[in-house]
Amino acid sequence: MIENKLNNFSEEDYYINEVGYRVFTEHYHLKRGYCCKSGCKHCPYGYDKKTDSFKNNI
């Protein structure tokens, strides 16, 4: 049986944008504790997917 992983998220973790995509918030990324290097919109770690580098440190 496949567990629905969305049950583990709080309202502060993501929102659904105007085209229906789930967008994870800075709160979620900080709670997770690491950068996934996917170029997330709200990445608090400063990752730049184009250069594969970090712009700033926390």
PDB file of N, CA and C in Angstrom:
ATOM      1  N   MET A   1       0.842  -1.181   0.000  1.00  0.00           N
ATOM      2  CA  MET A   1       0.000   0.000   0.000  1.00  0.00           C
ATOM      3  C   MET A   1       0.892   1.251   0.000  1.00  0.00           C
ATOM      4  N   ILE A   2       0.570   2.232  -0.805  1.00  0.00           N
ATOM      5  CA  ILE A   2       1.337   3.472  -0.898  1.00  0.00           C
ATOM      6  C   ILE A   2       0.736   4.495   0.060  1.00  0.00           C
ATOM      7  N   GLU A   3       1.602   5.047   0.927  1.00  0.00           N
ATOM      8  CA  GLU A   3       1.158   6.051   1.891  1.00  0.00           C
ATOM      9  C   GLU A   3       1.131   7.422   1.233  1.00  0.00           C
ATOM     10  N   ASN A   4       0.120   8.215   1.498  1.00  0.00           N
ATOM     11  CA  ASN A   4       0.027   9.575   0.981  1.00  0.00           C
ATOM     12  C   ASN A   4       0.931  10.474   1.810  1.00  0.00           C
ATOM     13  N   LYS A   5       2.073  10.866   1.255  1.00  0.00           N
ATOM     14  CA  LYS A   5       3.056  11.659   1.987  1.00  0.00           C
ATOM     15  C   LYS A   5       2.574  13.078   2.271  1.00  0.00           C
ATOM     16  N   LEU A   6       1.548  13.565   1.605  1.00  0.00           N
ATOM     17  CA  LEU A   6       1.029  14.901   1.875  1.00  0.00           C
ATOM     18  C   LEU A   6       0.470  15.008   3.289  1.00  0.00           C
ATOM     19  N   ASN A   7       0.118  13.888   3.889  1.00  0.00           N
ATOM     20  CA  ASN A   7      -0.410  13.917   5.252  1.00  0.00           C
ATOM     21  C   ASN A   7       0.623  14.406   6.252  1.00  0.00           C
ATOM     22  N   ASN A   8       1.908  14.361   5.900  1.00  0.00           N
ATOM     23  CA  ASN A   8       2.972  14.767   6.807  1.00  0.00           C
ATOM     24  C   ASN A   8       3.303  16.259   6.707  1.00  0.00           C
ATOM     25  N   PHE A   9       2.643  17.001   5.850  1.00  0.00           N
ATOM     26  CA  PHE A   9       2.922  18.422   5.657  1.00  0.00           C
ATOM     27  C   PHE A   9       1.919  19.277   6.413  1.00  0.00           C
ATOM     28  N   SER A  10       2.394  20.435   6.898  1.00  0.00           N
ATOM     29  CA  SER A  10       1.490  21.389   7.541  1.00  0.00           C
ATOM     30  C   SER A  10       1.119  22.477   6.533  1.00  0.00           C
ATOM     31  N   GLU A  11       0.210  23.338   6.917  1.00  0.00           N
ATOM     32  CA  GLU A  11      -0.215  24.436   6.035  1.00  0.00           C
ATOM     33  C   GLU A  11       0.927  25.396   5.725  1.00  0.00           C
ATOM     34  N   GLU A  12       1.927  25.465   6.595  1.00  0.00           N
ATOM     35  CA  GLU A  12       3.066  26.358   6.394  1.00  0.00           C
ATOM     36  C   GLU A  12       4.104  25.786   5.431  1.00  0.00           C
ATOM     37  N   ASP A  13       3.976  24.520   5.077  1.00  0.00           N
ATOM     38  CA  ASP A  13       4.997  23.834   4.282  1.00  0.00           C
ATOM     39  C   ASP A  13       4.899  24.085   2.776  1.00  0.00           C
ATOM     40  N   TYR A  14       3.712  24.300   2.253  1.00  0.00           N
ATOM     41  CA  TYR A  14       3.560  24.501   0.816  1.00  0.00           C
ATOM     42  C   TYR A  14       2.256  25.209   0.506  1.00  0.00           C
ATOM     43  N   TYR A  15       2.149  25.685  -0.723  1.00  0.00           N
ATOM     44  CA  TYR A  15       0.890  26.229  -1.220  1.00  0.00           C
ATOM     45  C   TYR A  15       0.728  25.757  -2.662  1.00  0.00           C
ATOM     46  N   ILE A  16      -0.468  25.853  -3.170  1.00  0.00           N
ATOM     47  CA  ILE A  16      -0.754  25.480  -4.557  1.00  0.00           C
ATOM     48  C   ILE A  16      -0.787  26.770  -5.362  1.00  0.00           C
ATOM     49  N   ASN A  17       0.049  26.859  -6.403  1.00  0.00           N
ATOM     50  CA  ASN A  17       0.098  28.095  -7.200  1.00  0.00           C
ATOM     51  C   ASN A  17      -1.059  28.149  -8.196  1.00  0.00           C
ATOM     52  N   GLU A  18      -1.089  29.212  -8.990  1.00  0.00           N
ATOM     53  CA  GLU A  18      -2.214  29.466  -9.893  1.00  0.00           C
ATOM     54  C   GLU A  18      -2.400  28.412 -10.979  1.00  0.00           C
ATOM     55  N   VAL A  19      -1.370  27.637 -11.277  1.00  0.00           N
ATOM     56  CA  VAL A  19      -1.511  26.577 -12.287  1.00  0.00           C
ATOM     57  C   VAL A  19      -1.624  25.188 -11.662  1.00  0.00           C
ATOM     58  N   GLY A  20      -1.693  25.140 -10.326  1.00  0.00           N
ATOM     59  CA  GLY A  20      -1.944  23.880  -9.639  1.00  0.00           C
ATOM     60  C   GLY A  20      -0.722  23.130  -9.138  1.00  0.00           C
ATOM     61  N   TYR A  21       0.456  23.740  -9.227  1.00  0.00           N
ATOM     62  CA  TYR A  21       1.661  23.075  -8.734  1.00  0.00           C
ATOM     63  C   TYR A  21       1.832  23.311  -7.243  1.00  0.00           C
ATOM     64  N   ARG A  22       2.359  22.312  -6.549  1.00  0.00           N
ATOM     65  CA  ARG A  22       2.689  22.441  -5.135  1.00  0.00           C
ATOM     66  C   ARG A  22       4.022  23.180  -5.042  1.00  0.00           C
ATOM     67  N   VAL A  23       4.064  24.278  -4.287  1.00  0.00           N
ATOM     68  CA  VAL A  23       5.271  25.091  -4.130  1.00  0.00           C
ATOM     69  C   VAL A  23       5.658  25.063  -2.653  1.00  0.00           C
ATOM     70  N   PHE A  24       6.831  24.506  -2.366  1.00  0.00           N
ATOM     71  CA  PHE A  24       7.278  24.415  -0.985  1.00  0.00           C
ATOM     72  C   PHE A  24       7.817  25.758  -0.511  1.00  0.00           C
ATOM     73  N   THR A  25       7.512  26.095   0.738  1.00  0.00           N
ATOM     74  CA  THR A  25       7.882  27.384   1.314  1.00  0.00           C
ATOM     75  C   THR A  25       9.272  27.324   1.947  1.00  0.00           C
ATOM     76  N   GLU A  26       9.794  28.507   2.266  1.00  0.00           N
ATOM     77  CA  GLU A  26      11.074  28.589   2.973  1.00  0.00           C
ATOM     78  C   GLU A  26      10.976  27.838   4.298  1.00  0.00           C
ATOM     79  N   HIS A  27       9.844  27.947   4.968  1.00  0.00           N
ATOM     80  CA  HIS A  27       9.614  27.236   6.233  1.00  0.00           C
ATOM     81  C   HIS A  27       9.857  25.738   6.053  1.00  0.00           C
ATOM     82  N   TYR A  28       9.302  25.161   4.994  1.00  0.00           N
ATOM     83  CA  TYR A  28       9.478  23.732   4.747  1.00  0.00           C
ATOM     84  C   TYR A  28      10.940  23.384   4.504  1.00  0.00           C
ATOM     85  N   HIS A  29      11.614  24.179   3.681  1.00  0.00           N
ATOM     86  CA  HIS A  29      13.020  23.888   3.360  1.00  0.00           C
ATOM     87  C   HIS A  29      13.889  23.945   4.612  1.00  0.00           C
ATOM     88  N   LEU A  30      13.672  24.938   5.462  1.00  0.00           N
ATOM     89  CA  LEU A  30      14.440  25.033   6.701  1.00  0.00           C
ATOM     90  C   LEU A  30      14.121  23.872   7.639  1.00  0.00           C
ATOM     91  N   LYS A  31      12.861  23.462   7.682  1.00  0.00           N
ATOM     92  CA  LYS A  31      12.460  22.333   8.516  1.00  0.00           C
ATOM     93  C   LYS A  31      13.112  21.039   8.012  1.00  0.00           C
ATOM     94  N   ARG A  32      13.215  20.894   6.695  1.00  0.00           N
ATOM     95  CA  ARG A  32      13.849  19.714   6.107  1.00  0.00           C
ATOM     96  C   ARG A  32      15.340  19.694   6.429  1.00  0.00           C
ATOM     97  N   GLY A  33      15.978  20.879   6.408  1.00  0.00           N
ATOM     98  CA  GLY A  33      17.342  20.975   6.888  1.00  0.00           C
ATOM     99  C   GLY A  33      18.463  20.875   5.871  1.00  0.00           C
ATOM    100  N   TYR A  34      18.145  20.776   4.595  1.00  0.00           N
ATOM    101  CA  TYR A  34      19.193  20.715   3.578  1.00  0.00           C
ATOM    102  C   TYR A  34      18.642  21.165   2.236  1.00  0.00           C
ATOM    103  N   CYS A  35      19.545  21.514   1.326  1.00  0.00           N
ATOM    104  CA  CYS A  35      19.158  21.917  -0.024  1.00  0.00           C
ATOM    105  C   CYS A  35      19.109  20.694  -0.930  1.00  0.00           C
ATOM    106  N   CYS A  36      18.057  20.581  -1.715  1.00  0.00           N
ATOM    107  CA  CYS A  36      17.907  19.441  -2.628  1.00  0.00           C
ATOM    108  C   CYS A  36      18.499  19.728  -4.006  1.00  0.00           C
ATOM    109  N   LYS A  37      18.954  20.966  -4.230  1.00  0.00           N
ATOM    110  CA  LYS A  37      19.558  21.396  -5.494  1.00  0.00           C
ATOM    111  C   LYS A  37      18.619  21.244  -6.696  1.00  0.00           C
ATOM    112  N   SER A  38      17.331  21.498  -6.455  1.00  0.00           N
ATOM    113  CA  SER A  38      16.351  21.442  -7.539  1.00  0.00           C
ATOM    114  C   SER A  38      15.989  22.825  -8.064  1.00  0.00           C
ATOM    115  N   GLY A  39      16.560  23.866  -7.467  1.00  0.00           N
ATOM    116  CA  GLY A  39      16.248  25.230  -7.894  1.00  0.00           C
ATOM    117  C   GLY A  39      14.902  25.706  -7.398  1.00  0.00           C
ATOM    118  N   CYS A  40      14.548  25.335  -6.188  1.00  0.00           N
ATOM    119  CA  CYS A  40      13.248  25.692  -5.617  1.00  0.00           C
ATOM    120  C   CYS A  40      13.068  27.205  -5.512  1.00  0.00           C
ATOM    121  N   LYS A  41      11.854  27.645  -5.742  1.00  0.00           N
ATOM    122  CA  LYS A  41      11.523  29.074  -5.728  1.00  0.00           C
ATOM    123  C   LYS A  41      11.847  29.738  -4.392  1.00  0.00           C
ATOM    124  N   HIS A  42      11.605  29.048  -3.293  1.00  0.00           N
ATOM    125  CA  HIS A  42      11.786  29.635  -1.966  1.00  0.00           C
ATOM    126  C   HIS A  42      12.987  29.044  -1.228  1.00  0.00           C
ATOM    127  N   CYS A  43      14.011  28.644  -1.957  1.00  0.00           N
ATOM    128  CA  CYS A  43      15.190  28.034  -1.336  1.00  0.00           C
ATOM    129  C   CYS A  43      15.909  29.038  -0.430  1.00  0.00           C
ATOM    130  N   PRO A  44      16.016  28.737   0.870  1.00  0.00           N
ATOM    131  CA  PRO A  44      16.711  29.641   1.778  1.00  0.00           C
ATOM    132  C   PRO A  44      18.226  29.441   1.768  1.00  0.00           C
ATOM    133  N   TYR A  45      18.691  28.452   1.023  1.00  0.00           N
ATOM    134  CA  TYR A  45      20.111  28.112   1.020  1.00  0.00           C
ATOM    135  C   TYR A  45      20.889  28.824  -0.082  1.00  0.00           C
ATOM    136  N   GLY A  46      20.203  29.553  -0.948  1.00  0.00           N
ATOM    137  CA  GLY A  46      20.874  30.349  -1.968  1.00  0.00           C
ATOM    138  C   GLY A  46      21.390  29.551  -3.140  1.00  0.00           C
ATOM    139  N   TYR A  47      20.812  28.391  -3.403  1.00  0.00           N
ATOM    140  CA  TYR A  47      21.281  27.564  -4.511  1.00  0.00           C
ATOM    141  C   TYR A  47      20.860  28.160  -5.853  1.00  0.00           C
ATOM    142  N   ASP A  48      21.795  28.223  -6.799  1.00  0.00           N
ATOM    143  CA  ASP A  48      21.532  28.694  -8.158  1.00  0.00           C
ATOM    144  C   ASP A  48      21.698  27.506  -9.103  1.00  0.00           C
ATOM    145  N   LYS A  49      20.588  27.044  -9.647  1.00  0.00           N
ATOM    146  CA  LYS A  49      20.606  25.862 -10.504  1.00  0.00           C
ATOM    147  C   LYS A  49      21.407  26.094 -11.784  1.00  0.00           C
ATOM    148  N   LYS A  50      21.416  27.321 -12.293  1.00  0.00           N
ATOM    149  CA  LYS A  50      22.133  27.625 -13.539  1.00  0.00           C
ATOM    150  C   LYS A  50      23.646  27.458 -13.381  1.00  0.00           C
ATOM    151  N   THR A  51      24.164  27.838 -12.219  1.00  0.00           N
ATOM    152  CA  THR A  51      25.619  27.756 -11.995  1.00  0.00           C
ATOM    153  C   THR A  51      26.002  26.584 -11.100  1.00  0.00           C
ATOM    154  N   ASP A  52      25.007  25.864 -10.583  1.00  0.00           N
ATOM    155  CA  ASP A  52      25.226  24.753  -9.661  1.00  0.00           C
ATOM    156  C   ASP A  52      26.107  25.184  -8.486  1.00  0.00           C
ATOM    157  N   SER A  53      25.769  26.346  -7.923  1.00  0.00           N
ATOM    158  CA  SER A  53      26.535  26.865  -6.788  1.00  0.00           C
ATOM    159  C   SER A  53      25.583  27.574  -5.822  1.00  0.00           C
ATOM    160  N   PHE A  54      26.125  27.906  -4.654  1.00  0.00           N
ATOM    161  CA  PHE A  54      25.345  28.591  -3.630  1.00  0.00           C
ATOM    162  C   PHE A  54      25.729  30.055  -3.597  1.00  0.00           C
ATOM    163  N   LYS A  55      24.709  30.926  -3.541  1.00  0.00           N
ATOM    164  CA  LYS A  55      24.932  32.375  -3.541  1.00  0.00           C
ATOM    165  C   LYS A  55      25.230  32.896  -2.146  1.00  0.00           C
ATOM    166  N   ASN A  56      24.645  32.259  -1.124  1.00  0.00           N
ATOM    167  CA  ASN A  56      24.854  32.720   0.247  1.00  0.00           C
ATOM    168  C   ASN A  56      24.796  31.544   1.202  1.00  0.00           C
ATOM    169  N   ASN A  57      25.174  31.768   2.410  1.00  0.00           N
ATOM    170  CA  ASN A  57      25.118  30.734   3.444  1.00  0.00           C
ATOM    171  C   ASN A  57      24.193  31.182   4.558  1.00  0.00           C
ATOM    172  N   ILE A  58      23.609  30.224   5.224  1.00  0.00           N
ATOM    173  CA  ILE A  58      22.737  30.541   6.370  1.00  0.00           C
ATOM    174  C   ILE A  58      23.596  30.523   7.616  1.00  0.00           C
TER     175      ILE A  58
END
